[in-house]
C-alpha atoms as a PDB file:
ATOM      1  CA  MET A   1      90.821 122.993  45.931  1.00  0.00           C
ATOM      2  CA  ARG A   2      89.227 119.610  46.562  1.00  0.00           C
ATOM      3  CA  LYS A   3      92.378 117.838  45.334  1.00  0.00           C
ATOM      4  CA  VAL A   4      94.495 119.978  47.637  1.00  0.00           C
ATOM      5  CA  LEU A   5      92.301 119.084  50.635  1.00  0.00           C
ATOM      6  CA  ILE A   6      92.442 115.390  49.779  1.00  0.00           C
ATOM      7  CA  THR A   7      96.238 115.574  49.464  1.00  0.00           C
ATOM      8  CA  VAL A   8      96.537 117.359  52.811  1.00  0.00           C
ATOM      9  CA  PHE A   9      94.207 114.811  54.429  1.00  0.00           C
ATOM     10  CA  VAL A  10      96.231 111.900  53.049  1.00  0.00           C
ATOM     11  CA  ILE A  11      99.486 113.443  54.294  1.00  0.00           C
ATOM     12  CA  LEU A  12      98.003 114.072  57.744  1.00  0.00           C
ATOM     13  CA  ALA A  13      96.568 110.558  57.891  1.00  0.00           C
ATOM     14  CA  PHE A  14      99.920 109.084  56.887  1.00  0.00           C
ATOM     15  CA  PHE A  15     101.725 111.180  59.522  1.00  0.00           C
ATOM     16  CA  ALA A  16      99.210 110.189  62.221  1.00  0.00           C
ATOM     17  CA  ALA A  17      99.609 106.506  61.312  1.00  0.00           C
ATOM     18  CA  PHE A  18     103.383 106.865  61.415  1.00  0.00           C
ATOM     19  CA  VAL A  19     103.277 108.502  64.857  1.00  0.00           C
ATOM     20  CA  ALA A  20     100.879 105.857  66.178  1.00  0.00           C
ATOM     21  CA  LYS A  21     103.070 103.051  64.853  1.00  0.00           C
ATOM     22  CA  THR A  22     106.180 104.652  66.351  1.00  0.00           C
ATOM     23  CA  LEU A  23     104.515 104.933  69.753  1.00  0.00           C
ATOM     24  CA  TYR A  24     103.242 101.354  69.542  1.00  0.00           C
ATOM     25  CA  ASP A  25     106.617  99.963  68.494  1.00  0.00           C
ATOM     26  CA  ALA A  26     108.293 101.893  71.319  1.00  0.00           C
ATOM     27  CA  GLY A  27     105.957 100.237  73.843  1.00  0.00           C
ATOM     28  CA  GLN A  28     104.219 103.422  74.979  1.00  0.00           C
ATOM     29  CA  PHE A  29     100.831 101.695  75.217  1.00  0.00           C
ATOM     30  CA  LYS A  30     102.106  98.883  77.452  1.00  0.00           C
ATOM     31  CA  THR A  31     100.881  98.622  81.026  1.00  0.00           C
ATOM     32  CA  ILE A  32     103.651  97.981  83.560  1.00  0.00           C
ATOM     33  CA  ILE A  33     102.471  95.574  86.258  1.00  0.00           C
ATOM     34  CA  GLN A  34     105.406  95.232  88.634  1.00  0.00           C
ATOM     35  CA  HIS A  35     106.413  91.797  89.857  1.00  0.00           C
ATOM     36  CA  TYR A  36     109.368  89.802  91.127  1.00  0.00           C
ATOM     37  CA  GLU A  37     109.363  86.643  93.217  1.00  0.00           C
ATOM     38  CA  GLY A  38     112.410  87.423  95.321  1.00  0.00           C
ATOM     39  CA  THR A  39     114.374  90.167  97.032  1.00  0.00           C
ATOM     40  CA  CYS A  40     116.983  92.610  95.748  1.00  0.00           C
ATOM     41  CA  ILE A  41     119.859  94.307  97.564  1.00  0.00           C
ATOM     42  CA  ARG A  42     121.203  97.603  96.288  1.00  0.00           C
ATOM     43  CA  VAL A  43     124.975  98.094  95.932  1.00  0.00           C
ATOM     44  CA  ALA A  44     125.912 101.738  95.260  1.00  0.00           C
ATOM     45  CA  GLY A  45     129.063 103.521  94.136  1.00  0.00           C
ATOM     46  CA  LEU A  46     129.010 102.375  90.502  1.00  0.00           C
ATOM     47  CA  PRO A  47     128.182 105.150  87.991  1.00  0.00           C
ATOM     48  CA  GLY A  48     126.438 103.757  84.910  1.00  0.00           C
ATOM     49  CA  PRO A  49     127.121 100.006  85.447  1.00  0.00           C
ATOM     50  CA  GLU A  50     125.995  99.107  81.923  1.00  0.00           C
ATOM     51  CA  ASP A  51     127.430  95.587  81.601  1.00  0.00           C
ATOM     52  CA  ILE A  52     128.335  92.813  84.044  1.00  0.00           C
ATOM     53  CA  THR A  53     130.043  89.471  83.589  1.00  0.00           C
ATOM     54  CA  ILE A  54     131.132  86.943  86.215  1.00  0.00           C
ATOM     55  CA  HIS A  55     134.286  84.859  86.570  1.00  0.00           C
ATOM     56  CA  PRO A  56     132.843  81.354  87.046  1.00  0.00           C
ATOM     57  CA  TRP A  57     135.774  80.082  89.137  1.00  0.00           C
ATOM     58  CA  THR A  58     136.161  82.949  91.579  1.00  0.00           C
ATOM     59  CA  GLY A  59     132.696  84.475  91.908  1.00  0.00           C
ATOM     60  CA  ILE A  60     134.102  87.897  90.965  1.00  0.00           C
ATOM     61  CA  ALA A  61     131.700  90.097  89.010  1.00  0.00           C
ATOM     62  CA  PHE A  62     133.359  92.497  86.568  1.00  0.00           C
ATOM     63  CA  ILE A  63     131.314  95.670  86.083  1.00  0.00           C
ATOM     64  CA  SER A  64     131.658  98.220  83.275  1.00  0.00           C
ATOM     65  CA  SER A  65     131.111 101.669  84.777  1.00  0.00           C
ATOM     66  CA  ASP A  66     130.947 105.103  83.145  1.00  0.00           C
ATOM     67  CA  ASP A  67     129.149 108.354  83.989  1.00  0.00           C
ATOM     68  CA  ARG A  68     127.337 108.725  80.674  1.00  0.00           C
ATOM     69  CA  ARG A  69     125.365 111.797  81.751  1.00  0.00           C
ATOM     70  CA  ALA A  70     128.629 113.621  82.431  1.00  0.00           C
ATOM     71  CA  THR A  71     129.787 112.709  78.931  1.00  0.00           C
ATOM     72  CA  LYS A  72     126.503 113.944  77.449  1.00  0.00           C
ATOM     73  CA  ALA A  73     126.974 117.221  79.339  1.00  0.00           C
ATOM     74  CA  GLY A  74     130.409 117.686  77.779  1.00  0.00           C
ATOM     75  CA  ALA A  75     132.338 117.015  80.996  1.00  0.00           C
ATOM     76  CA  PRO A  76     133.391 113.374  80.734  1.00  0.00           C
ATOM     77  CA  VAL A  77     134.739 111.564  83.792  1.00  0.00           C
ATOM     78  CA  GLN A  78     137.190 108.685  83.535  1.00  0.00           C
ATOM     79  CA  GLY A  79     135.286 105.409  83.607  1.00  0.00           C
ATOM     80  CA  ALA A  80     136.382 102.172  85.246  1.00  0.00           C
ATOM     81  CA  ILE A  81     136.033  98.438  85.578  1.00  0.00           C
ATOM     82  CA  TYR A  82     134.983  97.402  89.061  1.00  0.00           C
ATOM     83  CA  ALA A  83     135.088  94.038  90.785  1.00  0.00           C
ATOM     84  CA  LEU A  84     132.366  92.813  93.111  1.00  0.00           C
ATOM     85  CA  ASP A  85     133.258  89.714  95.120  1.00  0.00           C
ATOM     86  CA  LEU A  86     130.027  87.761  95.397  1.00  0.00           C
ATOM     87  CA  THR A  87     131.547  85.334  97.892  1.00  0.00           C
ATOM     88  CA  GLU A  88     131.598  88.119 100.495  1.00  0.00           C
ATOM     89  CA  LYS A  89     128.648  88.694 102.817  1.00  0.00           C
ATOM     90  CA  ASP A  90     128.436  92.420 102.068  1.00  0.00           C
ATOM     91  CA  PRO A  91     130.299  92.903  98.787  1.00  0.00           C
ATOM     92  CA  ALA A  92     131.622  96.361  97.975  1.00  0.00           C
ATOM     93  CA  PRO A  93     132.887  97.514  94.564  1.00  0.00           C
ATOM     94  CA  LYS A  94     136.662  97.620  94.041  1.00  0.00           C
ATOM     95  CA  LYS A  95     138.133  99.649  91.182  1.00  0.00           C
ATOM     96  CA  LEU A  96     140.451  97.556  88.998  1.00  0.00           C
ATOM     97  CA  THR A  97     141.551 100.125  86.404  1.00  0.00           C
ATOM     98  CA  ALA A  98     142.810 102.993  88.563  1.00  0.00           C
ATOM     99  CA  GLY A  99     146.225 102.731  86.898  1.00  0.00           C
ATOM    100  CA  PHE A 100     144.947 102.714  83.308  1.00  0.00           C
ATOM    101  CA  ASP A 101     146.451 105.888  81.831  1.00  0.00           C
ATOM    102  CA  LYS A 102     144.436 106.040  78.595  1.00  0.00           C
ATOM    103  CA  GLU A 103     141.060 107.763  78.184  1.00  0.00           C
ATOM    104  CA  PHE A 104     138.558 105.165  79.353  1.00  0.00           C
ATOM    105  CA  HIS A 105     134.790 105.024  78.810  1.00  0.00           C
ATOM    106  CA  PRO A 106     133.884 101.333  78.980  1.00  0.00           C
ATOM    107  CA  HIS A 107     130.745  99.907  77.420  1.00  0.00           C
ATOM    108  CA  GLY A 108     130.212  96.190  76.679  1.00  0.00           C
ATOM    109  CA  ILE A 109     132.541  93.644  78.289  1.00  0.00           C
ATOM    110  CA  SER A 110     133.290  89.927  77.871  1.00  0.00           C
ATOM    111  CA  LEU A 111     135.426  87.467  79.834  1.00  0.00           C
ATOM    112  CA  TYR A 112     137.432  84.770  78.067  1.00  0.00           C
ATOM    113  CA  LEU A 113     139.033  81.807  79.857  1.00  0.00           C
ATOM    114  CA  ASP A 114     141.742  80.230  77.725  1.00  0.00           C
ATOM    115  CA  GLY A 115     141.685  76.738  79.285  1.00  0.00           C
ATOM    116  CA  THR A 116     145.093  77.059  80.947  1.00  0.00           C
ATOM    117  CA  GLY A 117     143.907  79.111  83.897  1.00  0.00           C
ATOM    118  CA  LYS A 118     144.355  82.508  82.258  1.00  0.00           C
ATOM    119  CA  ALA A 119     141.447  84.958  82.140  1.00  0.00           C
ATOM    120  CA  PHE A 120     141.118  87.896  79.718  1.00  0.00           C
ATOM    121  CA  LEU A 121     138.604  90.721  79.976  1.00  0.00           C
ATOM    122  CA  PHE A 122     137.645  92.382  76.682  1.00  0.00           C
ATOM    123  CA  VAL A 123     136.239  95.909  77.019  1.00  0.00           C
ATOM    124  CA  ILE A 124     134.739  98.267  74.447  1.00  0.00           C
ATOM    125  CA  ASN A 125     136.229 101.712  75.069  1.00  0.00           C
ATOM    126  CA  HIS A 126     134.852 104.929  73.538  1.00  0.00           C
ATOM    127  CA  THR A 127     137.429 107.721  73.286  1.00  0.00           C
ATOM    128  CA  LYS A 128     137.794 111.020  71.428  1.00  0.00           C
ATOM    129  CA  GLU A 129     140.144 109.277  68.999  1.00  0.00           C
ATOM    130  CA  GLY A 130     137.600 106.530  68.288  1.00  0.00           C
ATOM    131  CA  SER A 131     136.405 103.270  69.740  1.00  0.00           C
ATOM    132  CA  PHE A 132     138.698 100.432  70.714  1.00  0.00           C
ATOM    133  CA  VAL A 133     138.599  96.988  72.269  1.00  0.00           C
ATOM    134  CA  GLU A 134     140.907  96.915  75.277  1.00  0.00           C
ATOM    135  CA  ILE A 135     142.167  93.483  76.300  1.00  0.00           C
ATOM    136  CA  PHE A 136     143.143  93.011  79.946  1.00  0.00           C
ATOM    137  CA  GLU A 137     144.501  89.924  81.649  1.00  0.00           C
ATOM    138  CA  TYR A 138     143.129  89.251  85.120  1.00  0.00           C
ATOM    139  CA  VAL A 139     146.164  88.351  87.228  1.00  0.00           C
ATOM    140  CA  GLY A 140     146.357  88.162  91.011  1.00  0.00           C
ATOM    141  CA  GLY A 141     143.176  90.137  91.530  1.00  0.00           C
ATOM    142  CA  ALA A 142     144.257  92.915  89.152  1.00  0.00           C
ATOM    143  CA  LEU A 143     143.638  93.820  85.516  1.00  0.00           C
ATOM    144  CA  VAL A 144     146.804  94.126  83.437  1.00  0.00           C
ATOM    145  CA  HIS A 145     146.345  95.859  80.082  1.00  0.00           C
ATOM    146  CA  ARG A 146     147.649  93.797  77.166  1.00  0.00           C
ATOM    147  CA  GLU A 147     146.403  95.387  73.948  1.00  0.00           C
ATOM    148  CA  SER A 148     144.181  97.972  72.223  1.00  0.00           C
ATOM    149  CA  ILE A 149     142.424  96.994  68.996  1.00  0.00           C
ATOM    150  CA  GLY A 150     140.744  99.478  66.680  1.00  0.00           C
ATOM    151  CA  HIS A 151     139.277  99.237  63.191  1.00  0.00           C
ATOM    152  CA  PRO A 152     137.355 101.578  60.804  1.00  0.00           C
ATOM    153  CA  LEU A 153     134.361  99.196  60.803  1.00  0.00           C
ATOM    154  CA  MET A 154     134.060  99.580  64.565  1.00  0.00           C
ATOM    155  CA  PHE A 155     132.834 103.188  64.783  1.00  0.00           C
ATOM    156  CA  SER A 156     129.791 102.578  67.009  1.00  0.00           C
ATOM    157  CA  PRO A 157     130.457  99.367  68.964  1.00  0.00           C
ATOM    158  CA  ASN A 158     128.031  98.457  71.717  1.00  0.00           C
ATOM    159  CA  ASP A 159     128.755  94.961  73.006  1.00  0.00           C
ATOM    160  CA  LEU A 160     131.162  92.129  72.296  1.00  0.00           C
ATOM    161  CA  VAL A 161     131.814  88.494  73.046  1.00  0.00           C
ATOM    162  CA  ALA A 162     135.317  87.069  73.161  1.00  0.00           C
ATOM    163  CA  VAL A 163     135.902  83.686  71.496  1.00  0.00           C
ATOM    164  CA  GLY A 164     139.700  83.528  71.745  1.00  0.00           C
ATOM    165  CA  VAL A 165     142.682  85.230  73.366  1.00  0.00           C
ATOM    166  CA  ARG A 166     142.639  87.868  70.576  1.00  0.00           C
ATOM    167  CA  SER A 167     139.395  87.126  68.707  1.00  0.00           C
ATOM    168  CA  PHE A 168     135.886  88.441  69.274  1.00  0.00           C
ATOM    169  CA  TYR A 169     132.528  89.404  67.784  1.00  0.00           C
ATOM    170  CA  ALA A 170     131.243  92.946  68.312  1.00  0.00           C
ATOM    171  CA  THR A 171     128.028  94.763  67.466  1.00  0.00           C
ATOM    172  CA  ASN A 172     127.885  98.120  65.696  1.00  0.00           C
ATOM    173  CA  ASP A 173     124.557  99.534  66.888  1.00  0.00           C
ATOM    174  CA  HIS A 174     124.272 101.974  63.961  1.00  0.00           C
ATOM    175  CA  GLY A 175     125.177 101.907  60.299  1.00  0.00           C
ATOM    176  CA  PHE A 176     125.454 105.678  59.837  1.00  0.00           C
ATOM    177  CA  THR A 177     128.246 107.764  61.341  1.00  0.00           C
ATOM    178  CA  SER A 178     126.498 111.168  61.537  1.00  0.00           C
ATOM    179  CA  SER A 179     124.150 111.912  64.453  1.00  0.00           C
ATOM    180  CA  SER A 180     121.368 113.199  62.169  1.00  0.00           C
ATOM    181  CA  TRP A 181     121.330 110.066  60.054  1.00  0.00           C
ATOM    182  CA  ARG A 182     121.489 107.918  63.187  1.00  0.00           C
ATOM    183  CA  MET A 183     118.329 109.607  64.445  1.00  0.00           C
ATOM    184  CA  LEU A 184     116.566 108.705  61.203  1.00  0.00           C
ATOM    185  CA  GLU A 185     117.975 105.204  61.465  1.00  0.00           C
ATOM    186  CA  ASP A 186     116.397 104.819  64.909  1.00  0.00           C
ATOM    187  CA  PHE A 187     112.996 106.384  64.241  1.00  0.00           C
ATOM    188  CA  LEU A 188     112.155 105.130  60.745  1.00  0.00           C
ATOM    189  CA  PRO A 189     113.668 102.517  61.636  1.00  0.00           C
ATOM    190  CA  LEU A 190     116.350 101.593  59.137  1.00  0.00           C
ATOM    191  CA  LYS A 191     118.031  98.239  59.662  1.00  0.00           C
ATOM    192  CA  ARG A 192     121.640  99.157  59.026  1.00  0.00           C
ATOM    193  CA  SER A 193     123.492  97.899  62.105  1.00  0.00           C
ATOM    194  CA  TYR A 194     125.710  94.835  61.957  1.00  0.00           C
ATOM    195  CA  VAL A 195     127.954  92.259  63.640  1.00  0.00           C
ATOM    196  CA  MET A 196     131.732  92.254  63.141  1.00  0.00           C
ATOM    197  CA  TYR A 197     134.246  89.473  63.694  1.00  0.00           C
ATOM    198  CA  TYR A 198     137.898  90.046  64.559  1.00  0.00           C
ATOM    199  CA  ASP A 199     139.955  86.896  63.972  1.00  0.00           C
ATOM    200  CA  GLY A 200     143.127  88.155  65.627  1.00  0.00           C
ATOM    201  CA  LYS A 201     144.426  89.749  62.426  1.00  0.00           C
ATOM    202  CA  ASP A 202     141.601  91.597  60.706  1.00  0.00           C
ATOM    203  CA  MET A 203     137.937  92.523  61.107  1.00  0.00           C
ATOM    204  CA  ARG A 204     135.013  91.844  58.783  1.00  0.00           C
ATOM    205  CA  VAL A 205     131.212  92.105  58.810  1.00  0.00           C
ATOM    206  CA  VAL A 206     129.644  88.672  59.343  1.00  0.00           C
ATOM    207  CA  ALA A 207     125.943  89.586  59.728  1.00  0.00           C
ATOM    208  CA  LYS A 208     124.002  92.752  58.881  1.00  0.00           C
ATOM    209  CA  GLY A 209     120.568  94.286  58.485  1.00  0.00           C
ATOM    210  CA  PHE A 210     119.445  94.729  62.113  1.00  0.00           C
ATOM    211  CA  GLY A 211     117.530  97.395  63.985  1.00  0.00           C
ATOM    212  CA  TYR A 212     120.053  98.510  66.629  1.00  0.00           C
ATOM    213  CA  ALA A 213     122.342  95.502  67.111  1.00  0.00           C
ATOM    214  CA  ASN A 214     122.988  95.454  70.848  1.00  0.00           C
ATOM    215  CA  GLY A 215     123.936  92.612  73.215  1.00  0.00           C
ATOM    216  CA  ILE A 216     125.761  89.556  71.923  1.00  0.00           C
ATOM    217  CA  SER A 217     126.756  86.213  73.406  1.00  0.00           C
ATOM    218  CA  VAL A 218     127.716  82.666  72.448  1.00  0.00           C
ATOM    219  CA  SER A 219     126.777  79.252  73.799  1.00  0.00           C
ATOM    220  CA  ALA A 220     129.217  77.362  76.030  1.00  0.00           C
ATOM    221  CA  ASP A 221     130.344  75.163  73.121  1.00  0.00           C
ATOM    222  CA  GLY A 222     130.818  78.201  70.863  1.00  0.00           C
ATOM    223  CA  LYS A 223     128.512  76.845  68.159  1.00  0.00           C
ATOM    224  CA  ILE A 224     125.553  79.208  68.649  1.00  0.00           C
ATOM    225  CA  LEU A 225     125.645  83.008  68.651  1.00  0.00           C
ATOM    226  CA  TYR A 226     122.844  85.149  70.087  1.00  0.00           C
ATOM    227  CA  LEU A 227     122.258  88.758  69.028  1.00  0.00           C
ATOM    228  CA  ALA A 228     119.840  91.169  70.711  1.00  0.00           C
ATOM    229  CA  ALA A 229     118.421  93.696  68.232  1.00  0.00           C
ATOM    230  CA  THR A 230     116.624  96.341  70.269  1.00  0.00           C
ATOM    231  CA  LEU A 231     114.467  97.906  67.545  1.00  0.00           C
ATOM    232  CA  ASP A 232     113.708  94.496  66.004  1.00  0.00           C
ATOM    233  CA  LYS A 233     112.413  93.438  69.434  1.00  0.00           C
ATOM    234  CA  ALA A 234     114.049  90.082  68.816  1.00  0.00           C
ATOM    235  CA  ILE A 235     116.953  87.790  69.614  1.00  0.00           C
ATOM    236  CA  HIS A 236     118.533  86.659  66.344  1.00  0.00           C
ATOM    237  CA  VAL A 237     120.110  83.207  66.597  1.00  0.00           C
ATOM    238  CA  PHE A 238     122.971  82.039  64.371  1.00  0.00           C
ATOM    239  CA  THR A 239     124.968  78.870  63.957  1.00  0.00           C
ATOM    240  CA  ARG A 240     128.664  79.632  64.115  1.00  0.00           C
ATOM    241  CA  ASP A 241     131.483  78.046  62.157  1.00  0.00           C
ATOM    242  CA  ILE A 242     134.191  77.908  64.819  1.00  0.00           C
ATOM    243  CA  ALA A 243     137.066  77.561  62.350  1.00  0.00           C
ATOM    244  CA  SER A 244     136.193  80.553  60.137  1.00  0.00           C
ATOM    245  CA  GLY A 245     134.008  82.633  62.457  1.00  0.00           C
ATOM    246  CA  SER A 246     131.256  82.824  59.827  1.00  0.00           C
ATOM    247  CA  LEU A 247     127.621  83.004  60.938  1.00  0.00           C
ATOM    248  CA  SER A 248     124.533  81.394  59.413  1.00  0.00           C
ATOM    249  CA  PRO A 249     121.031  82.598  60.396  1.00  0.00           C
ATOM    250  CA  ALA A 250     119.134  79.893  62.287  1.00  0.00           C
ATOM    251  CA  TYR A 251     115.941  81.485  63.650  1.00  0.00           C
ATOM    252  CA  ASP A 252     114.627  84.497  65.555  1.00  0.00           C
ATOM    253  CA  ILE A 253     113.110  84.729  69.028  1.00  0.00           C
ATOM    254  CA  ASP A 254     110.411  87.415  69.077  1.00  0.00           C
ATOM    255  CA  VAL A 255     110.458  88.959  72.558  1.00  0.00           C
ATOM    256  CA  GLY A 256     108.033  91.850  71.949  1.00  0.00           C
ATOM    257  CA  THR A 257     110.217  94.322  73.851  1.00  0.00           C
ATOM    258  CA  GLY A 258     113.565  96.084  73.450  1.00  0.00           C
ATOM    259  CA  PRO A 259     116.333  93.627  74.404  1.00  0.00           C
ATOM    260  CA  ASP A 260     119.691  94.925  75.590  1.00  0.00           C
ATOM    261  CA  ASN A 261     122.511  92.689  76.879  1.00  0.00           C
ATOM    262  CA  ILE A 262     122.439  88.869  76.960  1.00  0.00           C
ATOM    263  CA  GLU A 263     124.039  86.601  79.563  1.00  0.00           C
ATOM    264  CA  LEU A 264     123.807  82.801  79.791  1.00  0.00           C
ATOM    265  CA  ASP A 265     123.549  80.630  82.887  1.00  0.00           C
ATOM    266  CA  THR A 266     125.176  77.213  83.347  1.00  0.00           C
ATOM    267  CA  THR A 267     122.196  75.443  81.744  1.00  0.00           C
ATOM    268  CA  GLY A 268     122.354  77.606  78.608  1.00  0.00           C
ATOM    269  CA  ALA A 269     119.286  79.705  79.456  1.00  0.00           C
ATOM    270  CA  LEU A 270     119.441  83.318  78.287  1.00  0.00           C
ATOM    271  CA  TYR A 271     118.993  86.192  80.739  1.00  0.00           C
ATOM    272  CA  VAL A 272     118.023  89.306  78.805  1.00  0.00           C
ATOM    273  CA  ALA A 273     117.559  92.787  80.245  1.00  0.00           C
ATOM    274  CA  CYS A 274     114.979  94.736  78.236  1.00  0.00           C
ATOM    275  CA  HIS A 275     113.513  98.208  77.787  1.00  0.00           C
ATOM    276  CA  PRO A 276     109.728  97.771  77.523  1.00  0.00           C
ATOM    277  CA  LYS A 277     109.132 101.499  76.926  1.00  0.00           C
ATOM    278  CA  MET A 278     111.900 102.802  74.710  1.00  0.00           C
ATOM    279  CA  LEU A 279     110.745 106.439  74.561  1.00  0.00           C
ATOM    280  CA  GLU A 280     110.803 106.534  78.362  1.00  0.00           C
ATOM    281  CA  PHE A 281     114.352 105.194  78.172  1.00  0.00           C
ATOM    282  CA  LEU A 282     115.185 108.094  75.864  1.00  0.00           C
ATOM    283  CA  ALA A 283     113.609 110.585  78.294  1.00  0.00           C
ATOM    284  CA  HIS A 284     115.508 108.984  81.211  1.00  0.00           C
ATOM    285  CA  SER A 285     118.785 109.361  79.305  1.00  0.00           C
ATOM    286  CA  LYS A 286     118.221 113.122  79.149  1.00  0.00           C
ATOM    287  CA  ASP A 287     116.695 113.672  82.609  1.00  0.00           C
ATOM    288  CA  LYS A 288     117.647 111.669  85.718  1.00  0.00           C
ATOM    289  CA  GLY A 289     114.361 112.754  87.295  1.00  0.00           C
ATOM    290  CA  LYS A 290     112.455 110.599  84.806  1.00  0.00           C
ATOM    291  CA  SER A 291     112.484 106.841  85.354  1.00  0.00           C
ATOM    292  CA  SER A 292     112.431 104.098  82.727  1.00  0.00           C
ATOM    293  CA  PRO A 293     110.919 100.620  83.299  1.00  0.00           C
ATOM    294  CA  SER A 294     113.204  97.624  83.694  1.00  0.00           C
ATOM    295  CA  GLN A 295     112.351  94.139  82.473  1.00  0.00           C
ATOM    296  CA  ILE A 296     114.246  90.843  82.663  1.00  0.00           C
ATOM    297  CA  LEU A 297     113.434  87.782  80.592  1.00  0.00           C
ATOM    298  CA  ARG A 298     114.711  84.252  81.050  1.00  0.00           C
ATOM    299  CA  ILE A 299     114.632  82.332  77.756  1.00  0.00           C
ATOM    300  CA  THR A 300     114.939  78.551  77.975  1.00  0.00           C
ATOM    301  CA  ALA A 301     115.319  76.182  75.043  1.00  0.00           C
ATOM    302  CA  LYS A 302     112.697  73.450  74.629  1.00  0.00           C
ATOM    303  CA  ASP A 303     113.730  72.134  71.237  1.00  0.00           C
ATOM    304  CA  LYS A 304     115.562  73.476  68.200  1.00  0.00           C
ATOM    305  CA  GLY A 305     113.990  76.832  67.442  1.00  0.00           C
ATOM    306  CA  ASP A 306     111.459  76.510  70.268  1.00  0.00           C
ATOM    307  CA  TYR A 307     111.866  78.516  73.475  1.00  0.00           C
ATOM    308  CA  ILE A 308     109.997  79.298  76.678  1.00  0.00           C
ATOM    309  CA  ILE A 309     110.096  82.987  77.575  1.00  0.00           C
ATOM    310  CA  ASP A 310     109.563  83.861  81.255  1.00  0.00           C
ATOM    311  CA  GLU A 311     109.332  87.451  82.431  1.00  0.00           C
ATOM    312  CA  ILE A 312     111.038  87.056  85.813  1.00  0.00           C
ATOM    313  CA  TYR A 313     111.310  90.736  86.744  1.00  0.00           C
ATOM    314  CA  LEU A 314     109.368  93.878  85.850  1.00  0.00           C
ATOM    315  CA  ASN A 315     109.666  97.236  87.590  1.00  0.00           C
ATOM    316  CA  ASP A 316     108.419 100.718  86.747  1.00  0.00           C
ATOM    317  CA  GLY A 317     111.938 102.105  87.127  1.00  0.00           C
ATOM    318  CA  LYS A 318     111.764 103.260  90.735  1.00  0.00           C
ATOM    319  CA  GLN A 319     113.902 100.361  92.022  1.00  0.00           C
ATOM    320  CA  ILE A 320     116.250 100.448  89.050  1.00  0.00           C
ATOM    321  CA  SER A 321     115.773 102.379  85.822  1.00  0.00           C
ATOM    322  CA  ALA A 322     116.710 101.243  82.330  1.00  0.00           C
ATOM    323  CA  ALA A 323     118.151  97.845  83.246  1.00  0.00           C
ATOM    324  CA  SER A 324     120.748  96.936  80.638  1.00  0.00           C
ATOM    325  CA  VAL A 325     122.056  93.581  81.880  1.00  0.00           C
ATOM    326  CA  ALA A 326     120.958  90.695  84.091  1.00  0.00           C
ATOM    327  CA  THR A 327     123.812  88.336  84.898  1.00  0.00           C
ATOM    328  CA  PRO A 328     122.803  85.003  86.464  1.00  0.00           C
ATOM    329  CA  ILE A 329     124.348  83.893  89.738  1.00  0.00           C
ATOM    330  CA  ASN A 330     123.573  80.952  91.970  1.00  0.00           C
ATOM    331  CA  GLY A 331     120.017  81.563  93.159  1.00  0.00           C
ATOM    332  CA  GLY A 332     119.438  84.812  91.338  1.00  0.00           C
ATOM    333  CA  PHE A 333     121.040  87.482  89.181  1.00  0.00           C
ATOM    334  CA  LEU A 334     122.810  90.859  89.173  1.00  0.00           C
ATOM    335  CA  VAL A 335     121.154  93.800  87.458  1.00  0.00           C
ATOM    336  CA  GLY A 336     123.031  96.718  85.927  1.00  0.00           C
ATOM    337  CA  GLN A 337     121.744  99.828  84.193  1.00  0.00           C
ATOM    338  CA  VAL A 338     122.906 102.613  81.941  1.00  0.00           C
ATOM    339  CA  PHE A 339     122.828 105.894  83.878  1.00  0.00           C
ATOM    340  CA  GLU A 340     122.316 105.546  87.623  1.00  0.00           C
ATOM    341  CA  ASP A 341     124.902 104.698  90.288  1.00  0.00           C
ATOM    342  CA  HIS A 342     124.019 101.239  91.578  1.00  0.00           C
ATOM    343  CA  VAL A 343     123.451  97.578  90.783  1.00  0.00           C
ATOM    344  CA  LEU A 344     121.009  95.115  92.287  1.00  0.00           C
ATOM    345  CA  ILE A 345     121.846  91.682  93.684  1.00  0.00           C
ATOM    346  CA  CYS A 346     118.572  89.797  93.337  1.00  0.00           C
ATOM    347  CA  SER A 347     117.836  86.473  95.012  1.00  0.00           C
ATOM    348  CA  GLU A 348     114.995  84.469  93.530  1.00  0.00           C
ATOM    349  CA  LYS A 349     112.362  82.878  95.708  1.00  0.00           C
ATOM    350  CA  ARG A 350     113.252  79.268  96.527  1.00  0.00           C
ATOM    351  CA  GLY A 351     111.204  76.543  94.957  1.00  0.00           C
ATOM    352  CA  ARG A 352     111.304  77.989  91.442  1.00  0.00           C
END
């Protein structure tokens, strides 16, 4: 009997430790002290604006929009790419993909400028037939669809970064295909997600072993690749061989929170939207009445492998819940999120 009691006690102690660690890793014990040195304007009419990228020559913001709660409820609504002209005094979203006749549920996006004046928008698209990368050319203020790319490796793509007219890196945020195994992958957590590279002809895995590979970006010169791994609570940094596309691990940036998408400003600083309380994000995904804190970090290089991390925005989720992207603009940044119907245009306080 005594051995049985000891065994039960050990099992209960192990379970309690596991639960405590899970709650700690998910950020449930963090205190949210709201702050932001600036003002934010709300722009509505954009269901689930999960990712945002900006055309540097025109000031047009491209926004990936999809009603993810409708999809979860089994009644999906056609998603869209919107444009927001930041040169206008009161910018309003303009739908750019109204004529796209394929099922469209956009996720991560990336803009590629080819050096001759042409601009291509790469979009991850989740459909019933599988996930694809749709390539659009931005011509005369419109998006013209050029190509759909699919591959068996790309069964759970989250974000991508274009590095050529037909080449890109993409993240697979899970390694398992079944929903049950994915749940175990998230909660244990098992580091099975990976980064893929498509060279214009074929796709291969170029980096693996991450806890929920999420946002991805490259430096202006194309030599450094940044990967946000949400469950690792880190930005993994790689050196990139431009000719082959191969990646070599350089170092990690421990951010102590759940990073989502990554955008770079003109100086090379990283703007990273984060989920400081990941279980609240999960609750928010299931119930729009529950908010999820939003956090934005600006990460600036000091020296090789040495960075300064500034938390420039933190909100309890009432202003914007579950921020997924912060895209820098002159004097501030745009904030998108996963489930609600608006973005924020935030202007930082002068003198920073």
